[in-house]
Amino acid sequence: MGIGHLQQPRVPRKDRKPDDALSEQFNHGLNWKVVDDERRPLFAVGPFEADLVSAEDAAFRLVTDAYEALRLDEGNPVPRR
């Protein structure tokens, strides 16, 4: 709608009005990028891109580290590999 903080940072939230041009600048979708001869999916929102393969790896590490911390807190540590 073009009313987000990145689109209208200087306008107070209650005073923001929908703006089709700003909304189009922050369009989102899936794209592809070639990295080391491998096609990798990207999720793009406006000028920002997230490599979905890297995001999956980061999410897995976060879950694993949180689980290990929980087990350690319970006094039953999980050995690191």
C-alpha atoms as a PDB file:
ATOM      1  CA  MET A   1       0.000   0.000   0.000  1.00  0.00           C
ATOM      2  CA  GLY A   2       3.032   2.282   0.242  1.00  0.00           C
ATOM      3  CA  ILE A   3       2.446   3.234   3.883  1.00  0.00           C
ATOM      4  CA  GLY A   4       5.339   1.384   5.535  1.00  0.00           C
ATOM      5  CA  HIS A   5       8.129   3.000   7.547  1.00  0.00           C
ATOM      6  CA  LEU A   6      10.704   2.429   4.797  1.00  0.00           C
ATOM      7  CA  GLN A   7       8.389   4.007   2.245  1.00  0.00           C
ATOM      8  CA  GLN A   8       7.331   7.068   4.266  1.00  0.00           C
ATOM      9  CA  PRO A   9       9.914   7.417   7.065  1.00  0.00           C
ATOM     10  CA  ARG A  10       9.333  11.119   7.750  1.00  0.00           C
ATOM     11  CA  VAL A  11       5.534  10.951   7.880  1.00  0.00           C
ATOM     12  CA  PRO A  12       3.938  10.061  11.232  1.00  0.00           C
ATOM     13  CA  ARG A  13       2.210   6.662  11.050  1.00  0.00           C
ATOM     14  CA  LYS A  14      -1.292   8.103  11.579  1.00  0.00           C
ATOM     15  CA  ASP A  15      -0.797  10.600   8.720  1.00  0.00           C
ATOM     16  CA  ARG A  16       0.380   8.126   6.065  1.00  0.00           C
ATOM     17  CA  LYS A  17      -1.806   7.702   3.003  1.00  0.00           C
ATOM     18  CA  PRO A  18      -1.641   4.841   0.473  1.00  0.00           C
ATOM     19  CA  ASP A  19       0.715   5.607  -2.409  1.00  0.00           C
ATOM     20  CA  ASP A  20       0.688   3.348  -5.473  1.00  0.00           C
ATOM     21  CA  ALA A  21       4.109   4.533  -6.703  1.00  0.00           C
ATOM     22  CA  LEU A  22       5.762   3.736  -3.363  1.00  0.00           C
ATOM     23  CA  SER A  23       3.902   0.456  -3.179  1.00  0.00           C
ATOM     24  CA  GLU A  24       5.255  -0.569  -6.587  1.00  0.00           C
ATOM     25  CA  GLN A  25       8.836   0.246  -5.529  1.00  0.00           C
ATOM     26  CA  PHE A  26       8.517  -2.275  -2.684  1.00  0.00           C
ATOM     27  CA  ASN A  27       6.917  -5.017  -4.754  1.00  0.00           C
ATOM     28  CA  HIS A  28       7.862  -8.523  -3.627  1.00  0.00           C
ATOM     29  CA  GLY A  29       8.480 -11.786  -5.390  1.00  0.00           C
ATOM     30  CA  LEU A  30      10.780 -14.705  -6.058  1.00  0.00           C
ATOM     31  CA  ASN A  31      13.823 -14.340  -8.297  1.00  0.00           C
ATOM     32  CA  TRP A  32      16.832 -16.457  -9.176  1.00  0.00           C
ATOM     33  CA  LYS A  33      20.527 -15.667  -8.852  1.00  0.00           C
ATOM     34  CA  VAL A  34      23.465 -17.691 -10.157  1.00  0.00           C
ATOM     35  CA  VAL A  35      26.185 -18.282  -7.540  1.00  0.00           C
ATOM     36  CA  ASP A  36      29.138 -20.532  -8.461  1.00  0.00           C
ATOM     37  CA  ASP A  37      27.219 -22.008 -11.417  1.00  0.00           C
ATOM     38  CA  GLU A  38      24.254 -22.852  -9.137  1.00  0.00           C
ATOM     39  CA  ARG A  39      20.822 -21.233  -9.417  1.00  0.00           C
ATOM     40  CA  ARG A  40      19.664 -20.042  -6.014  1.00  0.00           C
ATOM     41  CA  PRO A  41      16.199 -18.722  -5.139  1.00  0.00           C
ATOM     42  CA  LEU A  42      15.931 -15.177  -3.786  1.00  0.00           C
ATOM     43  CA  PHE A  43      12.997 -13.492  -2.102  1.00  0.00           C
ATOM     44  CA  ALA A  44      12.988  -9.804  -3.007  1.00  0.00           C
ATOM     45  CA  VAL A  45      11.096  -6.994  -1.312  1.00  0.00           C
ATOM     46  CA  GLY A  46      11.823  -3.668  -2.957  1.00  0.00           C
ATOM     47  CA  PRO A  47      15.592  -3.139  -2.884  1.00  0.00           C
ATOM     48  CA  PHE A  48      16.139  -5.949  -0.349  1.00  0.00           C
ATOM     49  CA  GLU A  49      16.929  -9.565  -1.235  1.00  0.00           C
ATOM     50  CA  ALA A  50      17.160 -12.679   0.919  1.00  0.00           C
ATOM     51  CA  ASP A  51      18.947 -15.761  -0.395  1.00  0.00           C
ATOM     52  CA  LEU A  52      16.523 -18.538   0.586  1.00  0.00           C
ATOM     53  CA  VAL A  53      19.215 -21.225   0.731  1.00  0.00           C
ATOM     54  CA  SER A  54      21.260 -19.131   3.169  1.00  0.00           C
ATOM     55  CA  ALA A  55      18.102 -18.252   5.109  1.00  0.00           C
ATOM     56  CA  GLU A  56      17.268 -21.954   5.473  1.00  0.00           C
ATOM     57  CA  ASP A  57      20.777 -22.682   6.795  1.00  0.00           C
ATOM     58  CA  ALA A  58      20.579 -19.763   9.242  1.00  0.00           C
ATOM     59  CA  ALA A  59      17.149 -20.863  10.489  1.00  0.00           C
ATOM     60  CA  PHE A  60      18.426 -24.409  11.036  1.00  0.00           C
ATOM     61  CA  ARG A  61      21.445 -23.117  13.006  1.00  0.00           C
ATOM     62  CA  LEU A  62      19.162 -20.924  15.118  1.00  0.00           C
ATOM     63  CA  VAL A  63      16.853 -23.842  15.983  1.00  0.00           C
ATOM     64  CA  THR A  64      19.811 -26.121  16.715  1.00  0.00           C
ATOM     65  CA  ASP A  65      21.545 -23.563  18.950  1.00  0.00           C
ATOM     66  CA  ALA A  66      18.300 -22.792  20.802  1.00  0.00           C
ATOM     67  CA  TYR A  67      17.708 -26.528  21.373  1.00  0.00           C
ATOM     68  CA  GLU A  68      21.256 -27.040  22.624  1.00  0.00           C
ATOM     69  CA  ALA A  69      20.919 -24.056  24.969  1.00  0.00           C
ATOM     70  CA  LEU A  70      17.654 -25.439  26.337  1.00  0.00           C
ATOM     71  CA  ARG A  71      19.185 -28.868  26.927  1.00  0.00           C
ATOM     72  CA  LEU A  72      22.218 -27.289  28.616  1.00  0.00           C
ATOM     73  CA  ASP A  73      19.928 -25.202  30.840  1.00  0.00           C
ATOM     74  CA  GLU A  74      18.126 -28.410  31.846  1.00  0.00           C
ATOM     75  CA  GLY A  75      21.469 -29.970  32.819  1.00  0.00           C
ATOM     76  CA  ASN A  76      21.466 -32.425  29.904  1.00  0.00           C
ATOM     77  CA  PRO A  77      23.870 -30.957  27.321  1.00  0.00           C
ATOM     78  CA  VAL A  78      23.907 -32.102  23.722  1.00  0.00           C
ATOM     79  CA  PRO A  79      27.413 -32.810  22.419  1.00  0.00           C
ATOM     80  CA  ARG A  80      28.527 -30.441  19.664  1.00  0.00           C
ATOM     81  CA  ARG A  81      29.707 -31.896  16.381  1.00  0.00           C
END
